[in-house]
């Protein structure tokens, strides 16, 4: 993988200017990309071949930061909170929906690729 130039700086709220640059991206902002990848991958895996018409699927992932054995902070958990609006005749029961989320989690490339624990609405 080739290296690329990345204009990054600590947030001015953590490291004051002139030692930080507010025009640059705070590395913590980059952490939102894996959250988005997990949300999208779970969504597409969940929708795959279910035969339901979904009008909207929104999610707001919440991350938990803890310290590892060495005391270094890391994102130890991501909780997905999908809000789904269905259209058409075929709609899942709450039990079906939970089963579909569990199955999507088990088959989701991103969910299976990260060390972070990922749950849907707090359920594994």
C-alpha atoms as a PDB file:
ATOM      1  CA  UNK A   1       0.000   0.000   0.000  1.00  0.00           C
ATOM      2  CA  UNK A   2       1.471   3.338  -1.010  1.00  0.00           C
ATOM      3  CA  UNK A   3       1.752   6.100   1.549  1.00  0.00           C
ATOM      4  CA  UNK A   4      -0.241   9.248   0.918  1.00  0.00           C
ATOM      5  CA  UNK A   5       0.036  12.755   2.276  1.00  0.00           C
ATOM      6  CA  UNK A   6      -2.491  13.419   5.008  1.00  0.00           C
ATOM      7  CA  UNK A   7      -2.885  16.851   6.519  1.00  0.00           C
ATOM      8  CA  UNK A   8      -3.764  15.986  10.092  1.00  0.00           C
ATOM      9  CA  UNK A   9      -3.482  17.802  13.396  1.00  0.00           C
ATOM     10  CA  UNK A  10      -4.673  17.352  16.927  1.00  0.00           C
ATOM     11  CA  UNK A  11      -7.864  19.233  17.671  1.00  0.00           C
ATOM     12  CA  UNK A  12      -7.284  22.797  18.869  1.00  0.00           C
ATOM     13  CA  UNK A  13      -9.550  21.936  21.809  1.00  0.00           C
ATOM     14  CA  UNK A  14      -6.881  19.444  22.929  1.00  0.00           C
ATOM     15  CA  UNK A  15      -3.664  21.029  21.646  1.00  0.00           C
ATOM     16  CA  UNK A  16      -3.811  24.821  21.393  1.00  0.00           C
ATOM     17  CA  UNK A  17      -2.885  26.807  18.287  1.00  0.00           C
ATOM     18  CA  UNK A  18      -0.098  27.319  17.105  1.00  0.00           C
ATOM     19  CA  UNK A  19       0.786  23.712  18.027  1.00  0.00           C
ATOM     20  CA  UNK A  20      -2.269  22.455  16.164  1.00  0.00           C
ATOM     21  CA  UNK A  21      -3.863  23.483  12.898  1.00  0.00           C
ATOM     22  CA  UNK A  22      -7.678  23.849  12.873  1.00  0.00           C
ATOM     23  CA  UNK A  23      -7.697  23.556   9.052  1.00  0.00           C
ATOM     24  CA  UNK A  24      -6.366  19.990   9.268  1.00  0.00           C
ATOM     25  CA  UNK A  25      -8.334  16.860  10.104  1.00  0.00           C
ATOM     26  CA  UNK A  26      -8.282  15.680  13.694  1.00  0.00           C
ATOM     27  CA  UNK A  27      -7.295  11.958  13.714  1.00  0.00           C
ATOM     28  CA  UNK A  28     -10.339  11.195  15.880  1.00  0.00           C
ATOM     29  CA  UNK A  29     -12.518  12.448  13.013  1.00  0.00           C
ATOM     30  CA  UNK A  30     -11.038   9.694  10.845  1.00  0.00           C
ATOM     31  CA  UNK A  31     -12.368   7.171  13.326  1.00  0.00           C
ATOM     32  CA  UNK A  32     -15.870   7.861  12.026  1.00  0.00           C
ATOM     33  CA  UNK A  33     -14.960   6.104   8.759  1.00  0.00           C
ATOM     34  CA  UNK A  34     -14.828   2.596  10.297  1.00  0.00           C
ATOM     35  CA  UNK A  35     -18.171   3.332  12.007  1.00  0.00           C
ATOM     36  CA  UNK A  36     -19.684   4.216   8.633  1.00  0.00           C
ATOM     37  CA  UNK A  37     -18.136   1.136   7.038  1.00  0.00           C
ATOM     38  CA  UNK A  38     -19.674  -1.102   9.723  1.00  0.00           C
ATOM     39  CA  UNK A  39     -23.087   0.573   9.355  1.00  0.00           C
ATOM     40  CA  UNK A  40     -23.096   0.268   5.544  1.00  0.00           C
ATOM     41  CA  UNK A  41     -21.771  -3.266   5.498  1.00  0.00           C
ATOM     42  CA  UNK A  42     -24.342  -4.388   8.089  1.00  0.00           C
ATOM     43  CA  UNK A  43     -27.112  -2.648   6.128  1.00  0.00           C
ATOM     44  CA  UNK A  44     -26.210  -4.218   2.791  1.00  0.00           C
ATOM     45  CA  UNK A  45     -25.745  -7.657   4.340  1.00  0.00           C
ATOM     46  CA  UNK A  46     -29.060  -7.277   6.163  1.00  0.00           C
ATOM     47  CA  UNK A  47     -30.933  -6.237   3.001  1.00  0.00           C
ATOM     48  CA  UNK A  48     -29.419  -8.932   0.784  1.00  0.00           C
ATOM     49  CA  UNK A  49     -32.136 -11.230  -0.505  1.00  0.00           C
ATOM     50  CA  UNK A  50     -34.660 -10.659   2.273  1.00  0.00           C
ATOM     51  CA  UNK A  51     -37.512  -9.861  -0.106  1.00  0.00           C
ATOM     52  CA  UNK A  52     -38.667  -6.861   1.898  1.00  0.00           C
ATOM     53  CA  UNK A  53     -39.135  -3.353   0.608  1.00  0.00           C
ATOM     54  CA  UNK A  54     -37.335  -0.870   2.816  1.00  0.00           C
ATOM     55  CA  UNK A  55     -38.325   2.769   2.515  1.00  0.00           C
ATOM     56  CA  UNK A  56     -35.523   4.006   4.779  1.00  0.00           C
ATOM     57  CA  UNK A  57     -32.719   2.620   6.917  1.00  0.00           C
ATOM     58  CA  UNK A  58     -30.980   5.047   9.227  1.00  0.00           C
ATOM     59  CA  UNK A  59     -28.394   4.283  11.842  1.00  0.00           C
ATOM     60  CA  UNK A  60     -26.410   6.258  14.365  1.00  0.00           C
ATOM     61  CA  UNK A  61     -23.547   4.175  15.661  1.00  0.00           C
ATOM     62  CA  UNK A  62     -22.243   4.899  19.146  1.00  0.00           C
ATOM     63  CA  UNK A  63     -18.685   4.003  20.068  1.00  0.00           C
ATOM     64  CA  UNK A  64     -17.248   3.212  23.482  1.00  0.00           C
ATOM     65  CA  UNK A  65     -13.643   4.104  24.209  1.00  0.00           C
ATOM     66  CA  UNK A  66     -11.878   2.172  26.957  1.00  0.00           C
ATOM     67  CA  UNK A  67      -8.242   1.568  27.831  1.00  0.00           C
ATOM     68  CA  UNK A  68      -6.501  -1.674  26.906  1.00  0.00           C
ATOM     69  CA  UNK A  69      -4.157  -3.670  29.141  1.00  0.00           C
ATOM     70  CA  UNK A  70      -1.354  -1.157  28.486  1.00  0.00           C
ATOM     71  CA  UNK A  71      -3.591   1.807  29.329  1.00  0.00           C
ATOM     72  CA  UNK A  72      -3.940   2.923  25.698  1.00  0.00           C
ATOM     73  CA  UNK A  73      -7.423   4.153  24.703  1.00  0.00           C
ATOM     74  CA  UNK A  74      -9.178   2.243  21.915  1.00  0.00           C
ATOM     75  CA  UNK A  75     -12.702   1.856  20.530  1.00  0.00           C
ATOM     76  CA  UNK A  76     -13.743  -1.305  22.333  1.00  0.00           C
ATOM     77  CA  UNK A  77     -17.390  -1.384  21.233  1.00  0.00           C
ATOM     78  CA  UNK A  78     -19.684  -0.023  18.537  1.00  0.00           C
ATOM     79  CA  UNK A  79     -23.439  -0.132  19.081  1.00  0.00           C
ATOM     80  CA  UNK A  80     -25.599   0.063  15.944  1.00  0.00           C
ATOM     81  CA  UNK A  81     -29.068   1.578  16.351  1.00  0.00           C
ATOM     82  CA  UNK A  82     -30.880   0.947  13.066  1.00  0.00           C
ATOM     83  CA  UNK A  83     -34.226   2.622  12.454  1.00  0.00           C
ATOM     84  CA  UNK A  84     -36.021   0.867   9.602  1.00  0.00           C
ATOM     85  CA  UNK A  85     -39.191   1.941   7.798  1.00  0.00           C
ATOM     86  CA  UNK A  86     -40.796  -0.762   5.633  1.00  0.00           C
ATOM     87  CA  UNK A  87     -43.130  -0.508   2.672  1.00  0.00           C
ATOM     88  CA  UNK A  88     -45.079  -3.164   0.855  1.00  0.00           C
ATOM     89  CA  UNK A  89     -46.777  -6.308   2.067  1.00  0.00           C
ATOM     90  CA  UNK A  90     -43.838  -8.256   3.472  1.00  0.00           C
ATOM     91  CA  UNK A  91     -42.705  -6.997   6.887  1.00  0.00           C
ATOM     92  CA  UNK A  92     -40.716  -8.846   9.526  1.00  0.00           C
ATOM     93  CA  UNK A  93     -41.936  -9.525  13.045  1.00  0.00           C
ATOM     94  CA  UNK A  94     -39.717  -8.150  15.822  1.00  0.00           C
ATOM     95  CA  UNK A  95     -38.322 -11.672  16.248  1.00  0.00           C
ATOM     96  CA  UNK A  96     -37.608 -11.934  12.505  1.00  0.00           C
ATOM     97  CA  UNK A  97     -35.917  -8.537  12.555  1.00  0.00           C
ATOM     98  CA  UNK A  98     -33.663  -9.544  15.455  1.00  0.00           C
ATOM     99  CA  UNK A  99     -32.771 -12.797  13.671  1.00  0.00           C
ATOM    100  CA  UNK A 100     -31.998 -10.874  10.467  1.00  0.00           C
ATOM    101  CA  UNK A 101     -29.711  -8.453  12.329  1.00  0.00           C
ATOM    102  CA  UNK A 102     -27.916 -11.318  14.062  1.00  0.00           C
ATOM    103  CA  UNK A 103     -27.468 -13.129  10.740  1.00  0.00           C
ATOM    104  CA  UNK A 104     -26.250  -9.924   9.025  1.00  0.00           C
ATOM    105  CA  UNK A 105     -23.738  -9.381  11.814  1.00  0.00           C
ATOM    106  CA  UNK A 106     -22.389 -12.919  11.420  1.00  0.00           C
ATOM    107  CA  UNK A 107     -22.031 -12.481   7.632  1.00  0.00           C
ATOM    108  CA  UNK A 108     -20.840  -8.851   7.617  1.00  0.00           C
ATOM    109  CA  UNK A 109     -17.264  -8.521   6.326  1.00  0.00           C
ATOM    110  CA  UNK A 110     -16.533  -5.402   8.360  1.00  0.00           C
ATOM    111  CA  UNK A 111     -18.108  -6.726  11.559  1.00  0.00           C
ATOM    112  CA  UNK A 112     -15.954  -9.836  11.273  1.00  0.00           C
ATOM    113  CA  UNK A 113     -12.789  -7.863  10.424  1.00  0.00           C
ATOM    114  CA  UNK A 114     -12.455  -5.593  13.439  1.00  0.00           C
ATOM    115  CA  UNK A 115     -11.458  -6.373  17.004  1.00  0.00           C
ATOM    116  CA  UNK A 116     -14.118  -4.019  18.341  1.00  0.00           C
ATOM    117  CA  UNK A 117     -17.251  -5.667  19.758  1.00  0.00           C
ATOM    118  CA  UNK A 118     -20.255  -4.723  17.596  1.00  0.00           C
ATOM    119  CA  UNK A 119     -23.859  -5.040  18.762  1.00  0.00           C
ATOM    120  CA  UNK A 120     -27.224  -4.071  17.268  1.00  0.00           C
ATOM    121  CA  UNK A 121     -29.406  -2.168  19.723  1.00  0.00           C
ATOM    122  CA  UNK A 122     -27.242  -3.581  22.502  1.00  0.00           C
ATOM    123  CA  UNK A 123     -27.853  -7.222  21.482  1.00  0.00           C
ATOM    124  CA  UNK A 124     -25.054  -9.462  20.251  1.00  0.00           C
END
